[in-house]
Amino acid sequence: MTMNPQMEIVTHDPTDGIYASTSDYVHAVEVRNVQRLLFVSGTMGLDSTGAAGATLDEQLDLIWANLRVILAAASMTVDNIVRLTSYLRDASYAEANAAARVKALVGRTVPTTAIVAQTIVSDWLVEIEVVAAG
Protein backbone atom coordinates (compact mmCIF):
# COMPACT_ATOMS: atom_id res chain seq x y z
CA MET A 1 0.00 0.00 0.00
CA THR A 2 1.28 3.44 -0.91
CA MET A 3 -0.21 5.81 1.61
CA ASN A 4 0.84 9.33 2.35
CA PRO A 5 2.30 9.03 5.87
CA GLN A 6 0.90 12.46 6.78
CA MET A 7 -2.58 11.58 5.51
CA GLU A 8 -5.13 11.11 8.26
CA ILE A 9 -8.62 9.67 7.91
CA VAL A 10 -11.05 10.78 10.59
CA THR A 11 -14.40 9.01 10.80
CA HIS A 12 -17.48 11.11 11.48
CA ASP A 13 -20.37 8.81 12.32
CA PRO A 14 -22.79 10.78 14.50
CA THR A 15 -25.64 9.03 16.27
CA ASP A 16 -27.50 11.93 17.91
CA GLY A 17 -30.15 13.56 15.74
CA ILE A 18 -29.59 11.20 12.79
CA TYR A 19 -30.34 7.61 11.90
CA ALA A 20 -27.64 5.10 12.81
CA SER A 21 -25.26 3.78 10.20
CA THR A 22 -24.93 0.02 9.93
CA SER A 23 -21.80 -2.05 10.52
CA ASP A 24 -20.75 -1.98 6.84
CA TYR A 25 -20.50 1.80 6.28
CA VAL A 26 -20.02 5.14 8.04
CA HIS A 27 -21.76 8.45 7.45
CA ALA A 28 -18.56 10.33 6.56
CA VAL A 29 -14.80 10.35 6.57
CA GLU A 30 -12.62 13.41 6.59
CA VAL A 31 -9.32 13.05 4.75
CA ARG A 32 -6.65 15.38 6.09
CA ASN A 33 -3.24 16.19 4.60
CA VAL A 34 -4.00 14.36 1.39
CA GLN A 35 -1.52 14.70 -1.47
CA ARG A 36 -3.44 12.82 -4.16
CA LEU A 37 -7.05 12.08 -5.05
CA LEU A 38 -8.06 9.43 -7.58
CA PHE A 39 -11.58 9.46 -9.05
CA VAL A 40 -12.36 6.11 -10.64
CA SER A 41 -15.02 5.75 -13.33
CA GLY A 42 -17.85 3.32 -12.87
CA THR A 43 -16.24 -0.12 -13.13
CA MET A 44 -18.14 -3.14 -14.39
CA GLY A 45 -17.75 -6.89 -13.90
CA LEU A 46 -16.11 -7.42 -17.28
CA ASP A 47 -13.14 -9.64 -18.05
CA SER A 48 -10.13 -8.48 -20.07
CA THR A 49 -11.99 -9.19 -23.34
CA GLY A 50 -14.94 -7.03 -22.25
CA ALA A 51 -17.27 -9.97 -21.55
CA ALA A 52 -19.54 -9.72 -18.52
CA GLY A 53 -19.31 -12.36 -15.82
CA ALA A 54 -22.12 -14.90 -16.12
CA THR A 55 -23.42 -14.46 -12.55
CA LEU A 56 -23.72 -11.67 -10.02
CA ASP A 57 -20.94 -13.18 -7.89
CA GLU A 58 -18.64 -13.47 -10.93
CA GLN A 59 -19.30 -9.84 -11.82
CA LEU A 60 -18.61 -8.68 -8.27
CA ASP A 61 -15.33 -10.62 -8.25
CA LEU A 62 -14.38 -9.06 -11.60
CA ILE A 63 -15.32 -5.57 -10.45
CA TRP A 64 -13.05 -5.79 -7.43
CA ALA A 65 -10.25 -7.33 -9.50
CA ASN A 66 -10.63 -4.50 -12.03
CA LEU A 67 -10.64 -1.88 -9.28
CA ARG A 68 -7.42 -3.36 -7.87
CA VAL A 69 -5.78 -3.04 -11.30
CA ILE A 70 -6.93 0.57 -11.71
CA LEU A 71 -5.79 1.50 -8.21
CA ALA A 72 -2.42 -0.22 -8.73
CA ALA A 73 -1.87 1.91 -11.85
CA ALA A 74 -1.91 4.89 -9.45
CA SER A 75 0.25 3.07 -6.86
CA MET A 76 -2.79 2.63 -4.62
CA THR A 77 -4.75 -0.29 -3.17
CA VAL A 78 -8.28 -0.79 -1.87
CA ASP A 79 -6.95 0.62 1.42
CA ASN A 80 -6.87 4.03 -0.30
CA ILE A 81 -10.63 3.98 -1.07
CA VAL A 82 -12.41 6.73 0.88
CA ARG A 83 -15.79 6.78 -0.95
CA LEU A 84 -17.78 4.20 -2.91
CA THR A 85 -20.97 4.27 -4.98
CA SER A 86 -22.63 1.11 -6.29
CA TYR A 87 -25.17 1.09 -9.11
CA LEU A 88 -27.28 -2.08 -8.95
CA ARG A 89 -29.50 -3.25 -11.79
CA ASP A 90 -31.85 -4.83 -9.22
CA ALA A 91 -32.42 -4.13 -5.52
CA SER A 92 -32.06 -7.85 -4.79
CA TYR A 93 -28.31 -7.47 -5.51
CA ALA A 94 -27.77 -5.23 -2.46
CA GLU A 95 -26.83 -7.96 0.02
CA ALA A 96 -24.30 -9.66 -2.28
CA ASN A 97 -22.86 -6.28 -3.25
CA ALA A 98 -22.43 -5.25 0.40
CA ALA A 99 -20.82 -8.59 1.26
CA ALA A 100 -18.36 -8.26 -1.64
CA ARG A 101 -17.50 -4.70 -0.54
CA VAL A 102 -16.92 -5.74 3.09
CA LYS A 103 -14.73 -8.63 1.91
CA ALA A 104 -12.73 -6.46 -0.52
CA LEU A 105 -12.17 -3.74 2.07
CA VAL A 106 -11.37 -6.35 4.75
CA GLY A 107 -14.08 -4.92 6.99
CA ARG A 108 -12.88 -1.30 6.72
CA THR A 109 -15.89 0.99 6.50
CA VAL A 110 -16.18 3.96 4.15
CA PRO A 111 -19.05 6.21 3.14
CA THR A 112 -21.04 4.30 0.55
CA THR A 113 -24.20 4.64 -1.49
CA ALA A 114 -26.09 1.96 -3.40
CA ILE A 115 -28.49 3.03 -6.11
CA VAL A 116 -30.81 0.88 -8.21
CA ALA A 117 -30.40 2.00 -11.82
CA GLN A 118 -30.80 0.68 -15.32
CA THR A 119 -27.33 -0.07 -16.63
CA ILE A 120 -26.42 0.78 -20.22
CA VAL A 121 -26.03 -2.90 -21.11
CA SER A 122 -28.52 -5.34 -19.55
CA ASP A 123 -25.75 -7.91 -18.85
CA TRP A 124 -24.00 -5.42 -16.54
CA LEU A 125 -25.53 -6.22 -13.17
CA VAL A 126 -23.45 -3.89 -10.96
CA GLU A 127 -21.23 -0.89 -11.57
CA ILE A 128 -19.03 0.59 -8.84
CA GLU A 129 -17.20 3.92 -8.73
CA VAL A 130 -14.74 4.92 -6.05
CA VAL A 131 -12.71 7.84 -4.81
CA ALA A 132 -9.28 7.02 -3.40
CA ALA A 133 -6.85 9.24 -1.52
CA GLY A 134 -3.16 9.00 -0.79
C-alpha atoms as a PDB file:
ATOM      1  CA  MET A   1       0.000   0.000   0.000  1.00  0.00           C
ATOM      2  CA  THR A   2       1.280   3.440  -0.909  1.00  0.00           C
ATOM      3  CA  MET A   3      -0.211   5.806   1.606  1.00  0.00           C
ATOM      4  CA  ASN A   4       0.844   9.332   2.345  1.00  0.00           C
ATOM      5  CA  PRO A   5       2.304   9.032   5.866  1.00  0.00           C
ATOM      6  CA  GLN A   6       0.899  12.459   6.782  1.00  0.00           C
ATOM      7  CA  MET A   7      -2.583  11.579   5.513  1.00  0.00           C
ATOM      8  CA  GLU A   8      -5.131  11.111   8.255  1.00  0.00           C
ATOM      9  CA  ILE A   9      -8.618   9.669   7.906  1.00  0.00           C
ATOM     10  CA  VAL A  10     -11.055  10.775  10.587  1.00  0.00           C
ATOM     11  CA  THR A  11     -14.400   9.012  10.800  1.00  0.00           C
ATOM     12  CA  HIS A  12     -17.485  11.111  11.477  1.00  0.00           C
ATOM     13  CA  ASP A  13     -20.370   8.808  12.320  1.00  0.00           C
ATOM     14  CA  PRO A  14     -22.794  10.780  14.504  1.00  0.00           C
ATOM     15  CA  THR A  15     -25.640   9.026  16.272  1.00  0.00           C
ATOM     16  CA  ASP A  16     -27.498  11.926  17.909  1.00  0.00           C
ATOM     17  CA  GLY A  17     -30.152  13.555  15.739  1.00  0.00           C
ATOM     18  CA  ILE A  18     -29.589  11.198  12.786  1.00  0.00           C
ATOM     19  CA  TYR A  19     -30.344   7.606  11.903  1.00  0.00           C
ATOM     20  CA  ALA A  20     -27.637   5.105  12.813  1.00  0.00           C
ATOM     21  CA  SER A  21     -25.261   3.779  10.199  1.00  0.00           C
ATOM     22  CA  THR A  22     -24.926   0.015   9.932  1.00  0.00           C
ATOM     23  CA  SER A  23     -21.802  -2.045  10.517  1.00  0.00           C
ATOM     24  CA  ASP A  24     -20.749  -1.983   6.844  1.00  0.00           C
ATOM     25  CA  TYR A  25     -20.501   1.799   6.281  1.00  0.00           C
ATOM     26  CA  VAL A  26     -20.023   5.136   8.044  1.00  0.00           C
ATOM     27  CA  HIS A  27     -21.761   8.448   7.449  1.00  0.00           C
ATOM     28  CA  ALA A  28     -18.562  10.326   6.556  1.00  0.00           C
ATOM     29  CA  VAL A  29     -14.797  10.349   6.565  1.00  0.00           C
ATOM     30  CA  GLU A  30     -12.619  13.408   6.587  1.00  0.00           C
ATOM     31  CA  VAL A  31      -9.324  13.055   4.746  1.00  0.00           C
ATOM     32  CA  ARG A  32      -6.653  15.384   6.093  1.00  0.00           C
ATOM     33  CA  ASN A  33      -3.236  16.195   4.602  1.00  0.00           C
ATOM     34  CA  VAL A  34      -3.996  14.362   1.388  1.00  0.00           C
ATOM     35  CA  GLN A  35      -1.518  14.699  -1.469  1.00  0.00           C
ATOM     36  CA  ARG A  36      -3.442  12.815  -4.159  1.00  0.00           C
ATOM     37  CA  LEU A  37      -7.055  12.080  -5.047  1.00  0.00           C
ATOM     38  CA  LEU A  38      -8.060   9.433  -7.580  1.00  0.00           C
ATOM     39  CA  PHE A  39     -11.575   9.461  -9.049  1.00  0.00           C
ATOM     40  CA  VAL A  40     -12.363   6.107 -10.641  1.00  0.00           C
ATOM     41  CA  SER A  41     -15.023   5.753 -13.329  1.00  0.00           C
ATOM     42  CA  GLY A  42     -17.847   3.316 -12.874  1.00  0.00           C
ATOM     43  CA  THR A  43     -16.239  -0.116 -13.132  1.00  0.00           C
ATOM     44  CA  MET A  44     -18.142  -3.142 -14.390  1.00  0.00           C
ATOM     45  CA  GLY A  45     -17.746  -6.886 -13.903  1.00  0.00           C
ATOM     46  CA  LEU A  46     -16.107  -7.422 -17.284  1.00  0.00           C
ATOM     47  CA  ASP A  47     -13.139  -9.645 -18.050  1.00  0.00           C
ATOM     48  CA  SER A  48     -10.126  -8.476 -20.072  1.00  0.00           C
ATOM     49  CA  THR A  49     -11.987  -9.195 -23.335  1.00  0.00           C
ATOM     50  CA  GLY A  50     -14.940  -7.028 -22.251  1.00  0.00           C
ATOM     51  CA  ALA A  51     -17.271  -9.967 -21.553  1.00  0.00           C
ATOM     52  CA  ALA A  52     -19.537  -9.715 -18.518  1.00  0.00           C
ATOM     53  CA  GLY A  53     -19.313 -12.363 -15.816  1.00  0.00           C
ATOM     54  CA  ALA A  54     -22.124 -14.899 -16.119  1.00  0.00           C
ATOM     55  CA  THR A  55     -23.415 -14.458 -12.553  1.00  0.00           C
ATOM     56  CA  LEU A  56     -23.725 -11.668 -10.022  1.00  0.00           C
ATOM     57  CA  ASP A  57     -20.937 -13.183  -7.893  1.00  0.00           C
ATOM     58  CA  GLU A  58     -18.638 -13.469 -10.925  1.00  0.00           C
ATOM     59  CA  GLN A  59     -19.296  -9.843 -11.821  1.00  0.00           C
ATOM     60  CA  LEU A  60     -18.615  -8.679  -8.272  1.00  0.00           C
ATOM     61  CA  ASP A  61     -15.327 -10.616  -8.249  1.00  0.00           C
ATOM     62  CA  LEU A  62     -14.379  -9.064 -11.603  1.00  0.00           C
ATOM     63  CA  ILE A  63     -15.318  -5.565 -10.452  1.00  0.00           C
ATOM     64  CA  TRP A  64     -13.049  -5.788  -7.428  1.00  0.00           C
ATOM     65  CA  ALA A  65     -10.247  -7.330  -9.498  1.00  0.00           C
ATOM     66  CA  ASN A  66     -10.631  -4.496 -12.030  1.00  0.00           C
ATOM     67  CA  LEU A  67     -10.635  -1.876  -9.279  1.00  0.00           C
ATOM     68  CA  ARG A  68      -7.419  -3.356  -7.866  1.00  0.00           C
ATOM     69  CA  VAL A  69      -5.778  -3.043 -11.305  1.00  0.00           C
ATOM     70  CA  ILE A  70      -6.931   0.566 -11.715  1.00  0.00           C
ATOM     71  CA  LEU A  71      -5.789   1.498  -8.207  1.00  0.00           C
ATOM     72  CA  ALA A  72      -2.421  -0.220  -8.733  1.00  0.00           C
ATOM     73  CA  ALA A  73      -1.874   1.913 -11.846  1.00  0.00           C
ATOM     74  CA  ALA A  74      -1.914   4.888  -9.451  1.00  0.00           C
ATOM     75  CA  SER A  75       0.249   3.066  -6.860  1.00  0.00           C
ATOM     76  CA  MET A  76      -2.791   2.627  -4.624  1.00  0.00           C
ATOM     77  CA  THR A  77      -4.753  -0.292  -3.166  1.00  0.00           C
ATOM     78  CA  VAL A  78      -8.282  -0.785  -1.868  1.00  0.00           C
ATOM     79  CA  ASP A  79      -6.947   0.620   1.419  1.00  0.00           C
ATOM     80  CA  ASN A  80      -6.872   4.025  -0.296  1.00  0.00           C
ATOM     81  CA  ILE A  81     -10.629   3.982  -1.069  1.00  0.00           C
ATOM     82  CA  VAL A  82     -12.414   6.726   0.880  1.00  0.00           C
ATOM     83  CA  ARG A  83     -15.790   6.783  -0.948  1.00  0.00           C
ATOM     84  CA  LEU A  84     -17.781   4.203  -2.913  1.00  0.00           C
ATOM     85  CA  THR A  85     -20.974   4.266  -4.979  1.00  0.00           C
ATOM     86  CA  SER A  86     -22.633   1.105  -6.293  1.00  0.00           C
ATOM     87  CA  TYR A  87     -25.166   1.089  -9.111  1.00  0.00           C
ATOM     88  CA  LEU A  88     -27.284  -2.077  -8.949  1.00  0.00           C
ATOM     89  CA  ARG A  89     -29.495  -3.254 -11.793  1.00  0.00           C
ATOM     90  CA  ASP A  90     -31.845  -4.829  -9.217  1.00  0.00           C
ATOM     91  CA  ALA A  91     -32.420  -4.129  -5.519  1.00  0.00           C
ATOM     92  CA  SER A  92     -32.064  -7.845  -4.786  1.00  0.00           C
ATOM     93  CA  TYR A  93     -28.312  -7.475  -5.505  1.00  0.00           C
ATOM     94  CA  ALA A  94     -27.771  -5.230  -2.464  1.00  0.00           C
ATOM     95  CA  GLU A  95     -26.828  -7.955   0.015  1.00  0.00           C
ATOM     96  CA  ALA A  96     -24.300  -9.661  -2.278  1.00  0.00           C
ATOM     97  CA  ASN A  97     -22.855  -6.279  -3.245  1.00  0.00           C
ATOM     98  CA  ALA A  98     -22.426  -5.252   0.401  1.00  0.00           C
ATOM     99  CA  ALA A  99     -20.817  -8.594   1.260  1.00  0.00           C
ATOM    100  CA  ALA A 100     -18.358  -8.261  -1.643  1.00  0.00           C
ATOM    101  CA  ARG A 101     -17.499  -4.704  -0.537  1.00  0.00           C
ATOM    102  CA  VAL A 102     -16.919  -5.744   3.088  1.00  0.00           C
ATOM    103  CA  LYS A 103     -14.732  -8.634   1.906  1.00  0.00           C
ATOM    104  CA  ALA A 104     -12.734  -6.464  -0.517  1.00  0.00           C
ATOM    105  CA  LEU A 105     -12.168  -3.742   2.075  1.00  0.00           C
ATOM    106  CA  VAL A 106     -11.374  -6.348   4.746  1.00  0.00           C
ATOM    107  CA  GLY A 107     -14.083  -4.924   6.993  1.00  0.00           C
ATOM    108  CA  ARG A 108     -12.884  -1.301   6.721  1.00  0.00           C
ATOM    109  CA  THR A 109     -15.893   0.995   6.502  1.00  0.00           C
ATOM    110  CA  VAL A 110     -16.178   3.962   4.146  1.00  0.00           C
ATOM    111  CA  PRO A 111     -19.054   6.209   3.138  1.00  0.00           C
ATOM    112  CA  THR A 112     -21.040   4.296   0.549  1.00  0.00           C
ATOM    113  CA  THR A 113     -24.199   4.643  -1.486  1.00  0.00           C
ATOM    114  CA  ALA A 114     -26.086   1.958  -3.400  1.00  0.00           C
ATOM    115  CA  ILE A 115     -28.492   3.033  -6.111  1.00  0.00           C
ATOM    116  CA  VAL A 116     -30.805   0.883  -8.215  1.00  0.00           C
ATOM    117  CA  ALA A 117     -30.404   1.997 -11.823  1.00  0.00           C
ATOM    118  CA  GLN A 118     -30.803   0.679 -15.318  1.00  0.00           C
ATOM    119  CA  THR A 119     -27.328  -0.068 -16.627  1.00  0.00           C
ATOM    120  CA  ILE A 120     -26.422   0.785 -20.219  1.00  0.00           C
ATOM    121  CA  VAL A 121     -26.033  -2.901 -21.107  1.00  0.00           C
ATOM    122  CA  SER A 122     -28.516  -5.341 -19.555  1.00  0.00           C
ATOM    123  CA  ASP A 123     -25.754  -7.908 -18.853  1.00  0.00           C
ATOM    124  CA  TRP A 124     -24.002  -5.416 -16.544  1.00  0.00           C
ATOM    125  CA  LEU A 125     -25.534  -6.217 -13.169  1.00  0.00           C
ATOM    126  CA  VAL A 126     -23.448  -3.892 -10.958  1.00  0.00           C
ATOM    127  CA  GLU A 127     -21.231  -0.887 -11.575  1.00  0.00           C
ATOM    128  CA  ILE A 128     -19.025   0.592  -8.842  1.00  0.00           C
ATOM    129  CA  GLU A 129     -17.204   3.917  -8.735  1.00  0.00           C
ATOM    130  CA  VAL A 130     -14.737   4.925  -6.054  1.00  0.00           C
ATOM    131  CA  VAL A 131     -12.711   7.843  -4.805  1.00  0.00           C
ATOM    132  CA  ALA A 132      -9.281   7.016  -3.404  1.00  0.00           C
ATOM    133  CA  ALA A 133      -6.846   9.238  -1.520  1.00  0.00           C
ATOM    134  CA  GLY A 134      -3.162   8.998  -0.792  1.00  0.00           C
END
